[in-house]
N, C-alpha and C. Protein backbone atom coordinates (compact mmCIF):
# COMPACT_ATOMS: atom_id res chain seq x y z
N MET A 1 -23.91 58.97 -86.21
CA MET A 1 -23.92 58.52 -84.83
C MET A 1 -23.43 57.07 -84.74
N LYS A 2 -23.85 56.26 -85.70
CA LYS A 2 -23.45 54.87 -85.71
C LYS A 2 -21.93 54.74 -85.88
N ARG A 3 -21.36 55.57 -86.74
CA ARG A 3 -19.92 55.56 -86.96
C ARG A 3 -19.17 55.98 -85.69
N LEU A 4 -19.67 56.95 -85.03
CA LEU A 4 -19.04 57.44 -83.82
C LEU A 4 -18.99 56.33 -82.76
N ILE A 5 -20.07 55.58 -82.62
CA ILE A 5 -20.12 54.48 -81.66
C ILE A 5 -19.13 53.39 -82.08
N ILE A 6 -19.06 53.06 -83.36
CA ILE A 6 -18.13 52.04 -83.85
C ILE A 6 -16.69 52.49 -83.61
N VAL A 7 -16.39 53.74 -83.92
CA VAL A 7 -15.04 54.27 -83.71
C VAL A 7 -14.70 54.25 -82.22
N LEU A 8 -15.62 54.65 -81.38
CA LEU A 8 -15.40 54.66 -79.94
C LEU A 8 -15.18 53.25 -79.40
N LEU A 9 -15.99 52.29 -79.86
CA LEU A 9 -15.82 50.90 -79.45
C LEU A 9 -14.48 50.33 -79.93
N ALA A 10 -14.09 50.66 -81.16
CA ALA A 10 -12.80 50.19 -81.68
C ALA A 10 -11.65 50.79 -80.87
N PHE A 11 -11.79 52.06 -80.53
CA PHE A 11 -10.77 52.72 -79.72
C PHE A 11 -10.65 52.07 -78.34
N LEU A 12 -11.78 51.82 -77.72
CA LEU A 12 -11.78 51.19 -76.40
C LEU A 12 -11.24 49.75 -76.46
N ALA A 13 -11.57 49.02 -77.52
CA ALA A 13 -11.05 47.66 -77.68
C ALA A 13 -9.53 47.71 -77.87
N GLY A 14 -9.04 48.64 -78.67
CA GLY A 14 -7.60 48.80 -78.87
C GLY A 14 -6.90 49.18 -77.57
N LEU A 15 -7.52 50.06 -76.81
CA LEU A 15 -6.97 50.46 -75.52
C LEU A 15 -6.89 49.25 -74.57
N ALA A 16 -7.94 48.45 -74.52
CA ALA A 16 -7.98 47.28 -73.64
C ALA A 16 -6.93 46.25 -74.06
N VAL A 17 -6.84 45.98 -75.35
CA VAL A 17 -5.86 45.01 -75.85
C VAL A 17 -4.44 45.53 -75.59
N GLY A 18 -4.22 46.80 -75.84
CA GLY A 18 -2.90 47.39 -75.58
C GLY A 18 -2.52 47.31 -74.11
N TRP A 19 -3.47 47.61 -73.24
CA TRP A 19 -3.20 47.51 -71.80
C TRP A 19 -2.88 46.07 -71.42
N TYR A 20 -3.67 45.14 -71.92
CA TYR A 20 -3.48 43.73 -71.57
C TYR A 20 -2.10 43.24 -71.99
N PHE A 21 -1.74 43.48 -73.24
CA PHE A 21 -0.46 42.98 -73.74
C PHE A 21 0.72 43.83 -73.30
N GLY A 22 0.49 45.08 -73.03
CA GLY A 22 1.59 45.96 -72.66
C GLY A 22 1.83 46.10 -71.18
N TYR A 23 0.89 45.71 -70.37
CA TYR A 23 1.03 45.95 -68.94
C TYR A 23 0.95 44.68 -68.09
N THR A 24 0.23 43.70 -68.54
CA THR A 24 0.00 42.53 -67.69
C THR A 24 0.89 41.34 -68.05
N ARG A 25 1.68 41.44 -69.08
CA ARG A 25 2.53 40.32 -69.51
C ARG A 25 3.65 40.09 -68.51
N PRO A 26 4.08 38.85 -68.33
CA PRO A 26 5.14 38.54 -67.36
C PRO A 26 6.44 39.32 -67.60
N VAL A 27 6.82 39.50 -68.85
CA VAL A 27 8.06 40.23 -69.14
C VAL A 27 7.94 41.68 -68.66
N THR A 28 6.80 42.27 -68.91
CA THR A 28 6.58 43.65 -68.49
C THR A 28 6.55 43.75 -66.96
N LYS A 29 5.89 42.80 -66.33
CA LYS A 29 5.85 42.79 -64.87
C LYS A 29 7.27 42.66 -64.30
N GLN A 30 8.06 41.75 -64.86
CA GLN A 30 9.42 41.56 -64.38
C GLN A 30 10.25 42.81 -64.60
N TYR A 31 10.07 43.47 -65.72
CA TYR A 31 10.78 44.71 -65.99
C TYR A 31 10.46 45.74 -64.91
N ARG A 32 9.19 45.88 -64.57
CA ARG A 32 8.80 46.86 -63.54
C ARG A 32 9.39 46.50 -62.18
N VAL A 33 9.42 45.20 -61.86
CA VAL A 33 10.01 44.78 -60.59
C VAL A 33 11.49 45.15 -60.55
N LEU A 34 12.21 44.84 -61.61
CA LEU A 34 13.63 45.18 -61.67
C LEU A 34 13.84 46.68 -61.60
N ARG A 35 13.07 47.41 -62.37
CA ARG A 35 13.20 48.86 -62.42
C ARG A 35 12.95 49.48 -61.05
N ASP A 36 11.90 49.04 -60.38
CA ASP A 36 11.46 49.70 -59.16
C ASP A 36 12.17 49.20 -57.90
N THR A 37 12.49 47.92 -57.83
CA THR A 37 13.04 47.39 -56.58
C THR A 37 14.55 47.17 -56.62
N LEU A 38 15.10 46.87 -57.77
CA LEU A 38 16.52 46.58 -57.83
C LEU A 38 17.33 47.79 -58.28
N PHE A 39 16.90 48.41 -59.36
CA PHE A 39 17.68 49.50 -59.93
C PHE A 39 17.26 50.88 -59.44
N HIS A 40 16.01 51.04 -59.04
CA HIS A 40 15.47 52.34 -58.61
C HIS A 40 15.77 53.42 -59.66
N MET A 41 15.38 53.12 -60.89
CA MET A 41 15.63 54.02 -62.01
C MET A 41 14.32 54.32 -62.73
N THR A 42 14.32 55.44 -63.44
CA THR A 42 13.17 55.77 -64.27
C THR A 42 13.29 54.99 -65.58
N ASP A 43 12.22 55.01 -66.36
CA ASP A 43 12.26 54.33 -67.67
C ASP A 43 13.37 54.93 -68.54
N LYS A 44 13.51 56.24 -68.51
CA LYS A 44 14.54 56.91 -69.33
C LYS A 44 15.93 56.47 -68.88
N GLN A 45 16.15 56.42 -67.58
CA GLN A 45 17.45 55.98 -67.07
C GLN A 45 17.73 54.53 -67.46
N MET A 46 16.69 53.68 -67.40
CA MET A 46 16.85 52.29 -67.81
C MET A 46 17.20 52.21 -69.30
N ALA A 47 16.54 53.01 -70.10
CA ALA A 47 16.81 53.01 -71.54
C ALA A 47 18.23 53.49 -71.82
N ASP A 48 18.66 54.54 -71.11
CA ASP A 48 20.03 55.05 -71.29
C ASP A 48 21.06 54.00 -70.87
N ALA A 49 20.81 53.33 -69.75
CA ALA A 49 21.73 52.28 -69.29
C ALA A 49 21.78 51.14 -70.31
N GLY A 50 20.63 50.76 -70.84
CA GLY A 50 20.59 49.71 -71.85
C GLY A 50 21.37 50.10 -73.10
N ALA A 51 21.27 51.37 -73.49
CA ALA A 51 22.02 51.84 -74.66
C ALA A 51 23.52 51.79 -74.39
N GLN A 52 23.94 52.16 -73.19
CA GLN A 52 25.36 52.11 -72.85
C GLN A 52 25.87 50.68 -72.87
N ILE A 53 25.09 49.78 -72.33
CA ILE A 53 25.48 48.36 -72.34
C ILE A 53 25.57 47.86 -73.77
N ARG A 54 24.55 48.17 -74.57
CA ARG A 54 24.55 47.73 -75.97
C ARG A 54 25.78 48.26 -76.70
N ASP A 55 26.14 49.52 -76.44
CA ASP A 55 27.27 50.13 -77.14
C ASP A 55 28.61 49.54 -76.72
N HIS A 56 28.66 48.91 -75.54
CA HIS A 56 29.92 48.39 -75.03
C HIS A 56 29.96 46.87 -74.93
N ILE A 57 29.04 46.19 -75.60
CA ILE A 57 29.00 44.72 -75.56
C ILE A 57 30.34 44.10 -75.98
N PRO A 58 30.99 44.57 -77.05
CA PRO A 58 32.27 43.94 -77.42
C PRO A 58 33.31 44.04 -76.29
N GLU A 59 33.35 45.17 -75.59
CA GLU A 59 34.28 45.32 -74.48
C GLU A 59 33.94 44.35 -73.35
N PHE A 60 32.66 44.24 -73.02
CA PHE A 60 32.23 43.32 -71.97
C PHE A 60 32.60 41.89 -72.34
N MET A 61 32.36 41.54 -73.58
CA MET A 61 32.67 40.18 -74.03
C MET A 61 34.17 39.91 -73.96
N GLU A 62 34.98 40.90 -74.31
CA GLU A 62 36.43 40.73 -74.25
C GLU A 62 36.89 40.57 -72.80
N ARG A 63 36.31 41.34 -71.89
CA ARG A 63 36.66 41.20 -70.47
C ARG A 63 36.26 39.82 -69.95
N MET A 64 35.08 39.35 -70.36
CA MET A 64 34.66 38.01 -69.94
C MET A 64 35.60 36.96 -70.50
N LYS A 65 36.02 37.14 -71.73
CA LYS A 65 36.94 36.18 -72.35
C LYS A 65 38.26 36.16 -71.59
N ARG A 66 38.78 37.34 -71.25
CA ARG A 66 40.04 37.38 -70.50
C ARG A 66 39.90 36.69 -69.15
N SER A 67 38.76 36.91 -68.49
CA SER A 67 38.51 36.27 -67.21
C SER A 67 38.43 34.75 -67.39
N ASP A 68 37.73 34.32 -68.42
CA ASP A 68 37.64 32.88 -68.71
C ASP A 68 39.01 32.30 -69.05
N ASP A 69 39.80 33.06 -69.81
CA ASP A 69 41.16 32.61 -70.15
C ASP A 69 41.97 32.39 -68.88
N MET A 70 41.92 33.36 -67.98
CA MET A 70 42.70 33.26 -66.75
C MET A 70 42.24 32.10 -65.89
N THR A 71 40.94 31.93 -65.78
CA THR A 71 40.39 30.81 -64.99
C THR A 71 40.83 29.48 -65.57
N THR A 72 40.81 29.38 -66.89
CA THR A 72 41.20 28.14 -67.55
C THR A 72 42.68 27.85 -67.35
N VAL A 73 43.51 28.88 -67.48
CA VAL A 73 44.96 28.69 -67.26
C VAL A 73 45.22 28.25 -65.83
N LEU A 74 44.54 28.86 -64.88
CA LEU A 74 44.68 28.49 -63.47
C LEU A 74 44.25 27.04 -63.24
N ALA A 75 43.10 26.69 -63.77
CA ALA A 75 42.60 25.32 -63.60
C ALA A 75 43.52 24.30 -64.25
N LEU A 76 44.01 24.62 -65.45
CA LEU A 76 44.89 23.69 -66.17
C LEU A 76 46.21 23.50 -65.43
N GLY A 77 46.79 24.59 -64.95
CA GLY A 77 48.04 24.48 -64.19
C GLY A 77 47.86 23.68 -62.91
N THR A 78 46.75 23.90 -62.23
CA THR A 78 46.48 23.15 -61.00
C THR A 78 46.26 21.68 -61.32
N TYR A 79 45.51 21.41 -62.36
CA TYR A 79 45.24 20.02 -62.75
C TYR A 79 46.55 19.28 -63.05
N LYS A 80 47.44 19.93 -63.79
CA LYS A 80 48.71 19.28 -64.14
C LYS A 80 49.53 18.97 -62.90
N ARG A 81 49.57 19.91 -61.96
CA ARG A 81 50.33 19.68 -60.73
C ARG A 81 49.72 18.53 -59.92
N LEU A 82 48.40 18.50 -59.84
CA LEU A 82 47.74 17.42 -59.11
C LEU A 82 47.95 16.08 -59.81
N ASP A 83 47.90 16.09 -61.13
CA ASP A 83 48.09 14.86 -61.90
C ASP A 83 49.49 14.30 -61.69
N GLN A 84 50.45 15.18 -61.47
CA GLN A 84 51.83 14.75 -61.23
C GLN A 84 52.05 14.39 -59.76
N GLY A 85 51.01 14.52 -58.95
CA GLY A 85 51.14 14.22 -57.53
C GLY A 85 51.76 15.34 -56.73
N ASN A 86 51.89 16.50 -57.33
CA ASN A 86 52.52 17.65 -56.69
C ASN A 86 51.44 18.49 -55.99
N ILE A 87 50.97 17.99 -54.88
CA ILE A 87 49.88 18.68 -54.16
C ILE A 87 50.36 20.01 -53.60
N ASP A 88 51.57 20.04 -53.04
CA ASP A 88 52.08 21.30 -52.50
C ASP A 88 52.26 22.34 -53.61
N GLY A 89 52.70 21.89 -54.78
CA GLY A 89 52.84 22.81 -55.91
C GLY A 89 51.49 23.37 -56.33
N ALA A 90 50.47 22.53 -56.32
CA ALA A 90 49.11 22.99 -56.68
C ALA A 90 48.62 24.00 -55.66
N LYS A 91 48.87 23.74 -54.38
CA LYS A 91 48.45 24.69 -53.34
C LYS A 91 49.17 26.02 -53.52
N LYS A 92 50.47 25.97 -53.76
CA LYS A 92 51.24 27.21 -53.95
C LYS A 92 50.75 27.99 -55.17
N PHE A 93 50.27 27.26 -56.15
CA PHE A 93 49.74 27.88 -57.36
C PHE A 93 48.41 28.59 -57.08
N LEU A 94 47.59 28.02 -56.20
CA LEU A 94 46.26 28.55 -55.93
C LEU A 94 46.21 29.62 -54.84
N VAL A 95 47.05 29.49 -53.84
CA VAL A 95 46.97 30.39 -52.68
C VAL A 95 47.07 31.87 -53.04
N PRO A 96 47.95 32.30 -53.94
CA PRO A 96 47.98 33.73 -54.28
C PRO A 96 46.66 34.25 -54.87
N TRP A 97 45.95 33.41 -55.59
CA TRP A 97 44.67 33.83 -56.15
C TRP A 97 43.64 34.04 -55.04
N ILE A 98 43.67 33.15 -54.06
CA ILE A 98 42.74 33.27 -52.93
C ILE A 98 43.04 34.54 -52.14
N GLY A 99 44.31 34.75 -51.82
CA GLY A 99 44.69 35.94 -51.07
C GLY A 99 44.44 37.22 -51.85
N GLY A 100 44.70 37.18 -53.15
CA GLY A 100 44.47 38.36 -53.98
C GLY A 100 43.01 38.76 -54.00
N TYR A 101 42.12 37.78 -54.12
CA TYR A 101 40.68 38.08 -54.09
C TYR A 101 40.32 38.71 -52.75
N TYR A 102 40.81 38.11 -51.68
CA TYR A 102 40.46 38.61 -50.35
C TYR A 102 40.95 40.05 -50.16
N ARG A 103 42.19 40.30 -50.52
CA ARG A 103 42.74 41.65 -50.33
C ARG A 103 42.02 42.69 -51.19
N ARG A 104 41.67 42.31 -52.40
CA ARG A 104 40.98 43.26 -53.29
C ARG A 104 39.56 43.56 -52.86
N TYR A 105 38.85 42.55 -52.37
CA TYR A 105 37.40 42.71 -52.22
C TYR A 105 36.86 42.64 -50.80
N HIS A 106 37.67 42.38 -49.79
CA HIS A 106 37.07 42.21 -48.47
C HIS A 106 36.47 43.50 -47.92
N THR A 107 36.92 44.64 -48.39
CA THR A 107 36.30 45.90 -47.97
C THR A 107 35.63 46.63 -49.13
N LYS A 108 35.58 45.98 -50.28
CA LYS A 108 35.07 46.67 -51.47
C LYS A 108 33.95 45.90 -52.16
N GLY A 109 33.08 45.28 -51.39
CA GLY A 109 31.89 44.67 -51.97
C GLY A 109 32.07 43.29 -52.55
N GLY A 110 33.04 42.54 -52.07
CA GLY A 110 33.19 41.17 -52.55
C GLY A 110 32.04 40.29 -52.08
N ASP A 111 31.92 39.14 -52.70
CA ASP A 111 30.86 38.20 -52.34
C ASP A 111 31.06 37.75 -50.90
N GLU A 112 30.07 37.98 -50.06
CA GLU A 112 30.19 37.69 -48.62
C GLU A 112 30.43 36.21 -48.35
N LYS A 113 29.81 35.34 -49.12
CA LYS A 113 30.00 33.90 -48.92
C LYS A 113 31.43 33.48 -49.26
N ILE A 114 31.96 34.02 -50.34
CA ILE A 114 33.33 33.69 -50.72
C ILE A 114 34.30 34.22 -49.67
N LEU A 115 34.10 35.46 -49.23
CA LEU A 115 34.98 36.04 -48.22
C LEU A 115 34.92 35.24 -46.92
N ALA A 116 33.72 34.82 -46.52
CA ALA A 116 33.58 34.01 -45.30
C ALA A 116 34.28 32.67 -45.47
N SER A 117 34.18 32.07 -46.65
CA SER A 117 34.86 30.80 -46.91
C SER A 117 36.38 30.97 -46.84
N ILE A 118 36.87 32.08 -47.34
CA ILE A 118 38.32 32.34 -47.28
C ILE A 118 38.75 32.51 -45.83
N GLU A 119 37.98 33.27 -45.06
CA GLU A 119 38.32 33.47 -43.64
C GLU A 119 38.30 32.15 -42.88
N GLU A 120 37.32 31.33 -43.17
CA GLU A 120 37.24 30.01 -42.53
C GLU A 120 38.43 29.14 -42.92
N ALA A 121 38.79 29.15 -44.20
CA ALA A 121 39.93 28.36 -44.67
C ALA A 121 41.23 28.90 -44.06
N ALA A 122 41.32 30.21 -43.86
CA ALA A 122 42.52 30.81 -43.28
C ALA A 122 42.73 30.34 -41.84
N GLN A 123 41.64 30.04 -41.14
CA GLN A 123 41.76 29.54 -39.77
C GLN A 123 42.29 28.11 -39.75
N GLU A 124 42.04 27.36 -40.79
CA GLU A 124 42.46 25.96 -40.86
C GLU A 124 43.81 25.77 -41.55
N HIS A 125 44.15 26.68 -42.45
CA HIS A 125 45.34 26.49 -43.28
C HIS A 125 46.28 27.70 -43.14
N PRO A 126 47.45 27.49 -42.55
CA PRO A 126 48.37 28.60 -42.33
C PRO A 126 48.85 29.29 -43.60
N ASP A 127 48.99 28.53 -44.69
CA ASP A 127 49.45 29.15 -45.93
C ASP A 127 48.43 30.15 -46.48
N ILE A 128 47.14 29.83 -46.33
CA ILE A 128 46.09 30.77 -46.76
C ILE A 128 46.07 31.96 -45.81
N ALA A 129 46.21 31.72 -44.51
CA ALA A 129 46.22 32.81 -43.54
C ALA A 129 47.36 33.79 -43.83
N ALA A 130 48.54 33.26 -44.15
CA ALA A 130 49.68 34.11 -44.44
C ALA A 130 49.44 34.93 -45.72
N GLU A 131 48.85 34.32 -46.69
CA GLU A 131 48.58 35.03 -47.95
C GLU A 131 47.53 36.12 -47.75
N VAL A 132 46.49 35.82 -47.00
CA VAL A 132 45.43 36.80 -46.73
C VAL A 132 45.98 37.98 -45.94
N ALA A 133 46.92 37.71 -45.05
CA ALA A 133 47.46 38.76 -44.19
C ALA A 133 48.43 39.70 -44.91
N LYS A 134 48.92 39.31 -46.08
CA LYS A 134 49.84 40.16 -46.84
C LYS A 134 49.20 41.49 -47.18
N LYS A 135 50.03 42.51 -47.25
CA LYS A 135 49.56 43.84 -47.70
C LYS A 135 49.61 43.87 -49.22
N GLN A 136 48.77 44.73 -49.78
CA GLN A 136 48.74 44.80 -51.26
C GLN A 136 49.98 45.42 -51.82
């Protein structure tokens, strides 16, 4: 009888400790918030999505690198034109990127703040307005 009580108490203590560390920790709480409010997925779906991401990390990193490469080339080209005092050349270099973003994403889930900024700039700057108005 004494052993049974000790085993039962040990089991209950393990259950309590497991619940405390497995359910009440901030990381676990944040996971549940993300799962339930942002992703609306089951644990299995979250695990499957995580596995897909893990399996494709090199591809994601390569895409990020290409994006960073392009941003750097754009910034460097603009900087050189500005450094030479060629403000119109810098504008001509940048405007196609602004228009391209707008045309690609204004109806396809682009960042609303960026799109609003482009629309506002198009009202003030005819070259941006002309670029935004171009068809793809």
